Protein backbone atom coordinates (compact mmCIF):
# COMPACT_ATOMS: atom_id res chain seq x y z
CA MET A 1 74.36 100.20 -59.41
CA ALA A 2 75.77 99.46 -56.01
CA PHE A 3 76.26 102.36 -53.63
CA ARG A 4 79.94 102.42 -52.65
CA GLY A 5 82.40 104.88 -51.16
CA GLN A 6 82.49 107.51 -48.46
CA TYR A 7 81.66 111.18 -48.97
CA GLU A 8 81.61 114.25 -46.72
CA HIS A 9 78.75 116.70 -47.11
CA SER A 10 77.04 119.18 -44.82
CA LEU A 11 73.45 119.49 -43.70
CA ASP A 12 72.50 123.12 -44.33
CA SER A 13 70.29 125.38 -42.22
CA LYS A 14 67.20 124.18 -44.14
CA ASP A 15 68.01 120.50 -43.41
CA ARG A 16 69.16 119.84 -46.98
CA LEU A 17 71.98 117.44 -47.79
CA THR A 18 73.81 117.20 -51.11
CA VAL A 19 73.60 113.70 -52.58
CA PRO A 20 76.92 112.60 -54.10
CA ALA A 21 76.68 113.32 -57.85
CA ARG A 22 77.47 109.77 -58.95
CA PHE A 23 74.34 108.45 -57.16
CA ARG A 24 71.76 111.01 -58.22
CA ASP A 25 70.58 109.14 -61.32
CA GLU A 26 69.83 106.06 -59.20
CA LEU A 27 67.71 108.17 -56.84
CA THR A 28 65.61 110.19 -59.30
CA ASP A 29 62.46 108.07 -58.90
CA ARG A 30 61.07 108.93 -55.44
CA PRO A 31 63.97 108.23 -53.10
CA VAL A 32 63.16 107.30 -49.52
CA VAL A 33 65.07 108.33 -46.42
CA VAL A 34 64.47 106.06 -43.42
CA LYS A 35 65.82 105.49 -39.91
CA GLY A 36 68.34 102.68 -39.92
CA PRO A 37 68.83 100.28 -37.02
CA ASP A 38 72.07 102.10 -36.14
CA THR A 39 72.33 105.81 -35.38
CA CYS A 40 72.14 106.78 -39.04
CA LEU A 41 69.65 107.22 -41.85
CA TRP A 42 69.34 105.10 -44.97
CA LEU A 43 68.72 106.67 -48.37
CA MET A 44 67.53 104.40 -51.17
CA PRO A 45 65.37 104.25 -54.27
CA GLU A 46 61.71 103.61 -53.53
CA LYS A 47 61.96 100.19 -55.20
CA ALA A 48 64.73 99.17 -52.78
CA PHE A 49 62.66 100.37 -49.80
CA ASP A 50 59.66 98.40 -51.03
CA GLY A 51 61.90 95.38 -51.65
CA LEU A 52 63.23 95.44 -48.08
CA SER A 53 59.70 95.66 -46.75
CA ASP A 54 58.42 92.91 -49.04
CA GLN A 55 61.29 90.54 -48.23
CA TYR A 56 61.89 91.10 -44.52
CA ILE A 57 58.80 92.70 -42.96
CA GLU A 58 55.62 91.79 -44.84
CA PRO A 59 56.07 87.98 -44.68
CA HIS A 60 55.60 88.15 -40.91
CA SER A 61 52.12 87.90 -39.44
CA PRO A 62 50.53 91.14 -38.24
CA PHE A 63 49.42 89.09 -35.24
CA SER A 64 53.06 88.91 -34.12
CA ASN A 65 53.94 91.66 -31.64
CA ASN A 66 57.49 92.04 -32.98
CA ALA A 67 56.26 92.14 -36.59
CA ARG A 68 53.87 94.98 -35.74
CA LYS A 69 56.65 96.86 -33.94
CA LEU A 70 59.04 96.47 -36.87
CA ARG A 71 56.37 97.63 -39.35
CA ARG A 72 55.73 100.71 -37.21
CA LEU A 73 59.41 101.53 -36.83
CA PHE A 74 60.29 100.99 -40.47
CA ASN A 75 57.33 102.79 -42.02
CA SER A 76 56.89 105.65 -39.55
CA GLY A 77 60.62 106.38 -39.77
CA ALA A 78 60.49 106.71 -43.57
CA SER A 79 59.92 109.76 -45.73
CA GLU A 80 59.80 110.12 -49.49
CA CYS A 81 61.98 112.94 -50.75
CA GLU A 82 63.02 114.60 -53.99
CA ILE A 83 66.39 115.63 -55.30
CA ASP A 84 66.28 119.34 -56.12
CA SER A 85 68.04 121.05 -59.04
CA ALA A 86 71.16 121.50 -56.88
CA GLY A 87 71.34 117.76 -56.08
CA ARG A 88 70.06 118.04 -52.51
CA ILE A 89 67.42 116.23 -50.51
CA ARG A 90 65.56 117.72 -47.56
CA ILE A 91 65.75 115.52 -44.49
CA PRO A 92 62.78 115.92 -42.14
CA ARG A 93 63.94 117.38 -38.84
CA HIS A 94 62.70 114.42 -36.75
CA LEU A 95 64.81 112.06 -38.88
CA ALA A 96 67.86 114.34 -38.76
CA ASP A 97 67.52 114.54 -34.97
CA SER A 98 67.23 110.75 -34.65
CA ALA A 99 70.61 110.36 -36.38
CA GLY A 100 72.26 113.33 -34.68
CA LEU A 101 72.76 115.16 -37.98
CA ASP A 102 73.84 118.75 -37.42
CA GLY A 103 76.32 120.04 -39.93
CA SER A 104 79.06 117.77 -41.19
CA CYS A 105 77.74 114.42 -42.42
CA ALA A 106 79.32 111.28 -43.81
CA VAL A 107 77.46 109.65 -46.69
CA ILE A 108 78.47 105.99 -46.80
CA GLY A 109 77.81 103.51 -49.57
CA ALA A 110 76.23 100.31 -48.20
CA GLY A 111 75.48 98.35 -51.36
CA THR A 112 71.74 98.71 -51.99
CA TYR A 113 71.42 101.95 -50.03
CA LEU A 114 73.40 104.90 -48.68
CA GLU A 115 73.89 105.56 -44.98
CA ILE A 116 73.91 109.13 -43.68
CA TRP A 117 75.85 109.60 -40.44
CA ASN A 118 76.87 112.48 -38.24
CA ALA A 119 80.53 112.79 -39.33
CA ALA A 120 81.96 112.40 -35.81
CA SER A 121 79.71 109.40 -35.09
CA TRP A 122 80.80 107.78 -38.36
CA GLN A 123 84.47 108.30 -37.47
CA THR A 124 83.94 106.50 -34.15
CA GLU A 125 81.91 103.72 -35.77
CA ASN A 126 84.44 103.29 -38.57
CA GLU A 127 87.30 102.97 -36.07
CA LYS A 128 85.37 100.26 -34.20
CA LEU A 129 84.60 98.45 -37.45
CA GLN A 130 88.23 98.53 -38.54
CA ALA A 131 89.32 97.06 -35.19
CA GLU A 132 86.70 94.29 -35.48
CA PHE A 133 87.08 93.65 -39.23
CA GLY A 134 88.96 90.35 -38.96
CA ALA A 135 86.61 88.90 -36.35
CA ILE A 136 83.50 90.01 -38.25
CA ALA A 137 84.78 88.53 -41.52
CA GLU A 138 85.78 85.27 -39.86
CA GLY A 139 82.48 84.95 -38.02
CA MET A 140 80.49 85.47 -41.22
CA SER A 141 82.65 83.09 -43.28
CA GLY A 142 81.40 80.01 -41.49
CA ALA A 143 84.95 79.26 -40.36
CA GLY A 144 84.45 80.80 -36.93
CA GLU A 145 83.02 79.12 -33.88
């Protein structure tokens, strides 16, 4: 299943976030929440997390300074979580703080994972993306300069 769509949920006082119901079955086996390269968190099945690491991080030599830095960032910024009976995950405070999560959140489908944004930050990011959509698409099509 691909993660698609945009959903609004709130982070409660115990740092719990409701996972959109349609995605819960995909995340029942040890989901992982991890810092993304943007100001958001990624939520994905453990297999997807391991796949990203296996494909993009592990092939690089541990003798490379940048490879070591990326391993540290990716793995130290990750936390396994569980979906409770109410369909919520608990986001560790240090991860919530890194993404500026404090109340209203946008949960965004990104194909193989979900992104969790501060709702206001997502609105700003989405407006920028919409303004750049044509240029991004053209640049990635191979037709651009």
